């Protein structure tokens, strides 16, 4: 028995199945691109926040290093002539 190639075709059902698969693939690609873009934005924001936090830490360290060191307790124990007698 031979098969006539004009009679054996996927038909309308085959076309609909392939069209649905193509549409689903397009939507999956769009969703994947959104997720990738969102992850990139989050990474950029996290890098920016880390840089700002490091800059703030460096600023505080610089302010602490530049602040004069005062010892208030030592001035209470001594007078102009030397240590206070107790």
Protein backbone atom coordinates (compact mmCIF):
# COMPACT_ATOMS: atom_id res chain seq x y z
CA UNK A 1 0.00 0.00 0.00
CA UNK A 2 1.39 3.41 -0.94
CA UNK A 3 0.53 6.64 0.77
CA UNK A 4 -0.54 9.62 -1.31
CA UNK A 5 1.43 12.69 0.00
CA UNK A 6 -1.44 14.99 -0.97
CA UNK A 7 -3.85 13.17 1.33
CA UNK A 8 -1.56 12.82 4.39
CA UNK A 9 -1.13 16.31 5.82
CA UNK A 10 -1.22 17.69 9.33
CA UNK A 11 -4.36 19.60 8.40
CA UNK A 12 -6.03 22.30 10.39
CA UNK A 13 -5.35 20.60 13.75
CA UNK A 14 -1.63 20.47 13.04
CA UNK A 15 -1.60 24.13 12.03
CA UNK A 16 -3.43 25.16 15.21
CA UNK A 17 -1.07 23.08 17.37
CA UNK A 18 2.05 24.63 15.82
CA UNK A 19 0.54 28.13 16.00
CA UNK A 20 -0.23 27.69 19.72
CA UNK A 21 3.29 26.43 20.39
CA UNK A 22 4.72 29.45 18.55
CA UNK A 23 2.54 31.87 20.53
CA UNK A 24 3.51 30.24 23.85
CA UNK A 25 7.21 30.43 22.92
CA UNK A 26 6.89 34.14 22.08
CA UNK A 27 5.24 34.85 25.44
CA UNK A 28 7.91 32.84 27.26
CA UNK A 29 10.65 34.81 25.54
CA UNK A 30 8.99 38.12 26.47
CA UNK A 31 8.64 36.99 30.09
CA UNK A 32 12.27 35.82 30.20
CA UNK A 33 13.49 39.17 28.87
CA UNK A 34 11.47 41.02 31.52
CA UNK A 35 12.93 38.88 34.28
CA UNK A 36 16.47 39.33 33.00
CA UNK A 37 16.00 43.09 32.73
CA UNK A 38 14.52 43.22 36.26
CA UNK A 39 17.43 41.22 37.66
CA UNK A 40 19.86 43.61 35.96
CA UNK A 41 18.10 46.62 37.47
CA UNK A 42 18.20 45.02 40.92
CA UNK A 43 21.91 44.30 40.57
CA UNK A 44 22.58 47.91 39.55
CA UNK A 45 20.59 49.24 42.50
CA UNK A 46 22.35 46.89 44.94
CA UNK A 47 25.75 48.03 43.62
CA UNK A 48 24.71 51.66 44.03
CA UNK A 49 23.46 51.06 47.59
CA UNK A 50 26.67 49.22 48.49
CA UNK A 51 28.75 52.08 47.10
CA UNK A 52 26.72 54.63 49.07
CA UNK A 53 27.03 52.60 52.27
CA UNK A 54 30.79 52.27 51.80
CA UNK A 55 31.11 56.01 51.12
CA UNK A 56 29.11 56.76 54.28
CA UNK A 57 31.31 54.41 56.31
CA UNK A 58 34.46 56.05 54.92
CA UNK A 59 33.03 59.50 55.69
CA UNK A 60 32.32 58.51 59.28
CA UNK A 61 35.79 57.00 59.68
CA UNK A 62 37.34 60.20 58.29
CA UNK A 63 35.27 62.34 60.68
CA UNK A 64 36.25 60.13 63.62
CA UNK A 65 39.94 60.34 62.68
CA UNK A 66 39.80 64.12 62.23
CA UNK A 67 37.95 64.80 65.50
CA UNK A 68 40.21 66.05 68.32
CA UNK A 69 40.70 63.60 71.15
CA UNK A 70 39.67 65.14 74.47
CA UNK A 71 40.01 63.41 77.80
CA UNK A 72 37.63 65.02 80.26
CA UNK A 73 38.42 62.58 83.09
CA UNK A 74 42.11 63.57 83.23
CA UNK A 75 41.27 67.26 83.72
CA UNK A 76 39.14 66.42 86.79
CA UNK A 77 41.94 64.57 88.59
CA UNK A 78 44.62 67.22 88.26
CA UNK A 79 44.92 70.93 88.92
CA UNK A 80 47.45 73.47 87.71
CA UNK A 81 50.17 72.29 90.17
CA UNK A 82 49.83 68.55 89.51
CA UNK A 83 47.73 65.60 90.71
CA UNK A 84 45.09 66.40 93.30
CA UNK A 85 45.74 65.14 96.79
CA UNK A 86 43.13 62.83 98.23
